[in-house]
Amino acid sequence: MIEIGRLCVKTAGRDAGLKCVVVDILDDRFVLIDGETRRRKCNILHLEPLKDAIKIKKNASHEEIKEEFEKLELKARETKPKQKTEKPKKVRKTPEQLKDQKEEKKKLRDVFKRKKKEEAKKDKSKEKKEESLEEKAGLVEENKESKKKENKDARKKRNLKSNKK
């Protein structure tokens, strides 16, 4: 049923519902199609063959298929080749540009270091203010005395354990 020149309707994919013609049989599963669809390889399971057939040679060009479609009063897809453009080349930076770039990075680093130092100074001043409030309340002396007692007790226990051995 699938042969060169057979008109088909594409049933799957982006071109579904459009008419095409089989241009070449690639293998038992795939064919090359062209017409209202894009010229491309297509699975035969994605095609629905029609009764009509066109007399074209194997691997016919898009222009030949377009002429045959016009005879059948069908409109073939207009394909335009891609415009060739040059690949943009990477431009290497000059030594002067590299130096300028390094200097800008250093300036930015210095700015951020200054900000961090200022924040650290603010945090320290806040801590000092809090400490001064504790000192005013007399809590600092009590904490120091309780720590000293705990240290003395721990030393005595160690000494007792070492003497027992």
C-alpha atoms as a PDB file:
ATOM      1  CA  MET A   1       0.000   0.000   0.000  1.00  0.00           C
ATOM      2  CA  ILE A   2       2.870   2.395   0.788  1.00  0.00           C
ATOM      3  CA  GLU A   3       4.724   3.226  -2.435  1.00  0.00           C
ATOM      4  CA  ILE A   4       6.571   6.153  -3.966  1.00  0.00           C
ATOM      5  CA  GLY A   5       4.046   8.789  -5.075  1.00  0.00           C
ATOM      6  CA  ARG A   6       1.251   7.619  -2.727  1.00  0.00           C
ATOM      7  CA  LEU A   7      -0.751  10.492  -1.228  1.00  0.00           C
ATOM      8  CA  CYS A   8      -1.185  10.206   2.553  1.00  0.00           C
ATOM      9  CA  VAL A   9      -2.546  12.126   5.519  1.00  0.00           C
ATOM     10  CA  LYS A  10      -0.239  12.560   8.480  1.00  0.00           C
ATOM     11  CA  THR A  11      -1.967  11.315  11.652  1.00  0.00           C
ATOM     12  CA  ALA A  12       0.583  12.158  14.343  1.00  0.00           C
ATOM     13  CA  GLY A  13       2.933  14.959  15.273  1.00  0.00           C
ATOM     14  CA  ARG A  14       3.074  18.648  14.515  1.00  0.00           C
ATOM     15  CA  ASP A  15       1.922  18.175  10.902  1.00  0.00           C
ATOM     16  CA  ALA A  16      -1.064  15.953  11.814  1.00  0.00           C
ATOM     17  CA  GLY A  17      -4.026  16.324   9.451  1.00  0.00           C
ATOM     18  CA  LEU A  18      -1.944  17.600   6.524  1.00  0.00           C
ATOM     19  CA  LYS A  19      -1.564  15.833   3.183  1.00  0.00           C
ATOM     20  CA  CYS A  20       1.779  14.567   1.975  1.00  0.00           C
ATOM     21  CA  VAL A  21       3.294  12.329  -0.649  1.00  0.00           C
ATOM     22  CA  VAL A  22       5.789   9.492  -0.157  1.00  0.00           C
ATOM     23  CA  VAL A  23       9.054  10.559  -1.831  1.00  0.00           C
ATOM     24  CA  ASP A  24      11.277   7.624  -0.836  1.00  0.00           C
ATOM     25  CA  ILE A  25      11.011   4.378   1.129  1.00  0.00           C
ATOM     26  CA  LEU A  26      13.910   4.314   3.592  1.00  0.00           C
ATOM     27  CA  ASP A  27      13.265   0.916   5.201  1.00  0.00           C
ATOM     28  CA  ASP A  28      10.356  -1.296   6.295  1.00  0.00           C
ATOM     29  CA  ARG A  29       9.202   1.288   8.905  1.00  0.00           C
ATOM     30  CA  PHE A  30      10.227   4.725   7.646  1.00  0.00           C
ATOM     31  CA  VAL A  31       9.560   6.795   4.528  1.00  0.00           C
ATOM     32  CA  LEU A  32      10.558  10.268   3.335  1.00  0.00           C
ATOM     33  CA  ILE A  33       7.549  12.572   2.911  1.00  0.00           C
ATOM     34  CA  ASP A  34       6.949  16.027   1.453  1.00  0.00           C
ATOM     35  CA  GLY A  35       3.993  18.223   0.509  1.00  0.00           C
ATOM     36  CA  GLU A  36       1.851  20.267   2.898  1.00  0.00           C
ATOM     37  CA  THR A  37       4.050  18.855   5.652  1.00  0.00           C
ATOM     38  CA  ARG A  38       7.716  19.429   6.255  1.00  0.00           C
ATOM     39  CA  ARG A  39      10.039  17.287   4.133  1.00  0.00           C
ATOM     40  CA  ARG A  40      11.244  14.683   6.597  1.00  0.00           C
ATOM     41  CA  LYS A  41      11.541  11.068   7.637  1.00  0.00           C
ATOM     42  CA  CYS A  42       8.263   9.659   8.952  1.00  0.00           C
ATOM     43  CA  ASN A  43       7.096   6.394  10.504  1.00  0.00           C
ATOM     44  CA  ILE A  44       4.565   4.600   8.253  1.00  0.00           C
ATOM     45  CA  LEU A  45       2.373   4.038  11.328  1.00  0.00           C
ATOM     46  CA  HIS A  46       1.880   7.825  11.446  1.00  0.00           C
ATOM     47  CA  LEU A  47       0.502   7.932   7.901  1.00  0.00           C
ATOM     48  CA  GLU A  48      -2.960   7.159   6.539  1.00  0.00           C
ATOM     49  CA  PRO A  49      -2.661   6.273   2.815  1.00  0.00           C
ATOM     50  CA  LEU A  50      -5.234   7.705   0.384  1.00  0.00           C
ATOM     51  CA  LYS A  51      -6.512   6.210  -2.898  1.00  0.00           C
ATOM     52  CA  ASP A  52      -4.710   8.776  -5.048  1.00  0.00           C
ATOM     53  CA  ALA A  53      -1.121   8.523  -6.235  1.00  0.00           C
ATOM     54  CA  ILE A  54       1.174  10.934  -8.063  1.00  0.00           C
ATOM     55  CA  LYS A  55       3.689   9.933 -10.714  1.00  0.00           C
ATOM     56  CA  ILE A  56       7.027  11.111  -9.321  1.00  0.00           C
ATOM     57  CA  LYS A  57      10.494   9.642  -9.431  1.00  0.00           C
ATOM     58  CA  LYS A  58      12.368   8.462  -6.354  1.00  0.00           C
ATOM     59  CA  ASN A  59      13.879  11.335  -4.278  1.00  0.00           C
ATOM     60  CA  ALA A  60      12.003  13.986  -6.294  1.00  0.00           C
ATOM     61  CA  SER A  61      12.848  17.578  -5.387  1.00  0.00           C
ATOM     62  CA  HIS A  62      10.500  19.855  -3.497  1.00  0.00           C
ATOM     63  CA  GLU A  63       9.839  21.900  -6.670  1.00  0.00           C
ATOM     64  CA  GLU A  64       8.676  18.798  -8.604  1.00  0.00           C
ATOM     65  CA  ILE A  65       6.343  17.819  -5.756  1.00  0.00           C
ATOM     66  CA  LYS A  66       5.036  21.387  -5.572  1.00  0.00           C
ATOM     67  CA  GLU A  67       4.144  21.286  -9.294  1.00  0.00           C
ATOM     68  CA  GLU A  68       2.286  17.982  -8.897  1.00  0.00           C
ATOM     69  CA  PHE A  69       0.373  19.312  -5.875  1.00  0.00           C
ATOM     70  CA  GLU A  70      -0.703  22.378  -7.907  1.00  0.00           C
ATOM     71  CA  LYS A  71      -2.132  20.036 -10.579  1.00  0.00           C
ATOM     72  CA  LEU A  72      -4.233  18.404  -7.837  1.00  0.00           C
ATOM     73  CA  GLU A  73      -5.194  21.890  -6.553  1.00  0.00           C
ATOM     74  CA  LEU A  74      -3.331  21.338  -3.264  1.00  0.00           C
ATOM     75  CA  LYS A  75      -0.928  23.794  -1.705  1.00  0.00           C
ATOM     76  CA  ALA A  76       2.581  22.582  -0.885  1.00  0.00           C
ATOM     77  CA  ARG A  77       4.498  23.961   2.070  1.00  0.00           C
ATOM     78  CA  GLU A  78       6.848  26.817   1.266  1.00  0.00           C
ATOM     79  CA  THR A  79      10.267  25.959   2.606  1.00  0.00           C
ATOM     80  CA  LYS A  80      13.040  28.481   2.855  1.00  0.00           C
ATOM     81  CA  PRO A  81      16.624  27.478   3.486  1.00  0.00           C
ATOM     82  CA  LYS A  82      18.219  28.934   6.598  1.00  0.00           C
ATOM     83  CA  GLN A  83      20.281  32.023   6.049  1.00  0.00           C
ATOM     84  CA  LYS A  84      23.920  31.337   6.639  1.00  0.00           C
ATOM     85  CA  THR A  85      25.412  33.462   9.367  1.00  0.00           C
ATOM     86  CA  GLU A  86      28.935  33.540  10.654  1.00  0.00           C
ATOM     87  CA  LYS A  87      29.597  32.136  14.077  1.00  0.00           C
ATOM     88  CA  PRO A  88      30.538  34.990  16.398  1.00  0.00           C
ATOM     89  CA  LYS A  89      34.194  34.926  17.329  1.00  0.00           C
ATOM     90  CA  LYS A  90      35.354  35.437  20.883  1.00  0.00           C
ATOM     91  CA  VAL A  91      37.434  38.554  21.243  1.00  0.00           C
ATOM     92  CA  ARG A  92      40.319  38.266  23.679  1.00  0.00           C
ATOM     93  CA  LYS A  93      40.752  41.063  26.169  1.00  0.00           C
ATOM     94  CA  THR A  94      43.864  43.185  26.010  1.00  0.00           C
ATOM     95  CA  PRO A  95      46.219  43.309  28.998  1.00  0.00           C
ATOM     96  CA  GLU A  96      44.984  46.827  29.804  1.00  0.00           C
ATOM     97  CA  GLN A  97      41.369  45.621  29.915  1.00  0.00           C
ATOM     98  CA  LEU A  98      42.367  42.749  32.206  1.00  0.00           C
ATOM     99  CA  LYS A  99      44.160  45.158  34.570  1.00  0.00           C
ATOM    100  CA  ASP A 100      41.101  47.427  34.682  1.00  0.00           C
ATOM    101  CA  GLN A 101      38.907  44.441  35.433  1.00  0.00           C
ATOM    102  CA  LYS A 102      41.159  43.343  38.320  1.00  0.00           C
ATOM    103  CA  GLU A 103      41.174  46.851  39.781  1.00  0.00           C
ATOM    104  CA  GLU A 104      37.371  46.991  39.718  1.00  0.00           C
ATOM    105  CA  LYS A 105      37.199  43.642  41.535  1.00  0.00           C
ATOM    106  CA  LYS A 106      39.624  44.899  44.193  1.00  0.00           C
ATOM    107  CA  LYS A 107      37.528  48.027  44.730  1.00  0.00           C
ATOM    108  CA  LEU A 108      34.399  45.963  45.177  1.00  0.00           C
ATOM    109  CA  ARG A 109      36.166  43.622  47.618  1.00  0.00           C
ATOM    110  CA  ASP A 110      37.373  46.601  49.662  1.00  0.00           C
ATOM    111  CA  VAL A 111      33.863  48.058  49.805  1.00  0.00           C
ATOM    112  CA  PHE A 112      32.412  44.769  51.092  1.00  0.00           C
ATOM    113  CA  LYS A 113      35.247  44.334  53.622  1.00  0.00           C
ATOM    114  CA  ARG A 114      34.558  47.810  55.011  1.00  0.00           C
ATOM    115  CA  LYS A 115      30.869  47.023  55.373  1.00  0.00           C
ATOM    116  CA  LYS A 116      31.642  43.789  57.226  1.00  0.00           C
ATOM    117  CA  LYS A 117      34.041  45.582  59.583  1.00  0.00           C
ATOM    118  CA  GLU A 118      31.451  48.265  60.315  1.00  0.00           C
ATOM    119  CA  GLU A 119      28.820  45.615  61.060  1.00  0.00           C
ATOM    120  CA  ALA A 120      31.243  43.773  63.335  1.00  0.00           C
ATOM    121  CA  LYS A 121      32.000  47.019  65.239  1.00  0.00           C
ATOM    122  CA  LYS A 122      28.283  47.660  65.697  1.00  0.00           C
ATOM    123  CA  ASP A 123      27.775  44.119  67.027  1.00  0.00           C
ATOM    124  CA  LYS A 124      30.684  44.509  69.485  1.00  0.00           C
ATOM    125  CA  SER A 125      29.374  47.846  70.758  1.00  0.00           C
ATOM    126  CA  LYS A 126      25.944  46.257  71.344  1.00  0.00           C
ATOM    127  CA  GLU A 127      27.586  43.426  73.317  1.00  0.00           C
ATOM    128  CA  LYS A 128      29.532  45.920  75.415  1.00  0.00           C
ATOM    129  CA  LYS A 129      26.336  47.795  76.245  1.00  0.00           C
ATOM    130  CA  GLU A 130      24.667  44.573  77.324  1.00  0.00           C
ATOM    131  CA  GLU A 131      27.655  43.644  79.480  1.00  0.00           C
ATOM    132  CA  SER A 132      27.589  46.992  81.157  1.00  0.00           C
ATOM    133  CA  LEU A 133      23.932  46.462  82.106  1.00  0.00           C
ATOM    134  CA  GLU A 134      24.798  43.093  83.685  1.00  0.00           C
ATOM    135  CA  GLU A 135      27.674  44.648  85.555  1.00  0.00           C
ATOM    136  CA  LYS A 136      25.401  47.379  86.863  1.00  0.00           C
ATOM    137  CA  ALA A 137      23.017  44.780  88.227  1.00  0.00           C
ATOM    138  CA  GLY A 138      25.885  42.955  89.938  1.00  0.00           C
ATOM    139  CA  LEU A 139      25.235  39.679  88.132  1.00  0.00           C
ATOM    140  CA  VAL A 140      28.720  39.437  86.678  1.00  0.00           C
ATOM    141  CA  GLU A 141      30.421  39.117  90.089  1.00  0.00           C
ATOM    142  CA  GLU A 142      28.057  36.351  91.172  1.00  0.00           C
ATOM    143  CA  ASN A 143      28.691  34.403  87.944  1.00  0.00           C
ATOM    144  CA  LYS A 144      32.472  34.717  88.389  1.00  0.00           C
ATOM    145  CA  GLU A 145      32.291  33.524  92.007  1.00  0.00           C
ATOM    146  CA  SER A 146      30.081  30.536  91.149  1.00  0.00           C
ATOM    147  CA  LYS A 147      32.468  29.490  88.351  1.00  0.00           C
ATOM    148  CA  LYS A 148      35.455  29.686  90.694  1.00  0.00           C
ATOM    149  CA  LYS A 149      33.703  27.415  93.231  1.00  0.00           C
ATOM    150  CA  GLU A 150      32.819  24.902  90.526  1.00  0.00           C
ATOM    151  CA  ASN A 151      36.447  24.817  89.321  1.00  0.00           C
ATOM    152  CA  LYS A 152      37.739  24.252  92.872  1.00  0.00           C
ATOM    153  CA  ASP A 153      35.264  21.400  93.431  1.00  0.00           C
ATOM    154  CA  ALA A 154      36.303  19.729  90.195  1.00  0.00           C
ATOM    155  CA  ARG A 155      40.010  19.941  91.125  1.00  0.00           C
ATOM    156  CA  LYS A 156      39.364  18.396  94.533  1.00  0.00           C
ATOM    157  CA  LYS A 157      37.524  15.454  92.947  1.00  0.00           C
ATOM    158  CA  ARG A 158      40.386  14.842  90.512  1.00  0.00           C
ATOM    159  CA  ASN A 159      42.931  14.940  93.284  1.00  0.00           C
ATOM    160  CA  LEU A 160      40.914  12.472  95.367  1.00  0.00           C
ATOM    161  CA  LYS A 161      40.612  10.033  92.459  1.00  0.00           C
ATOM    162  CA  SER A 162      44.367  10.209  91.714  1.00  0.00           C
ATOM    163  CA  ASN A 163      45.240   9.683  95.406  1.00  0.00           C
ATOM    164  CA  LYS A 164      43.002   6.569  95.614  1.00  0.00           C
ATOM    165  CA  LYS A 165      44.810   4.898  92.740  1.00  0.00           C
END
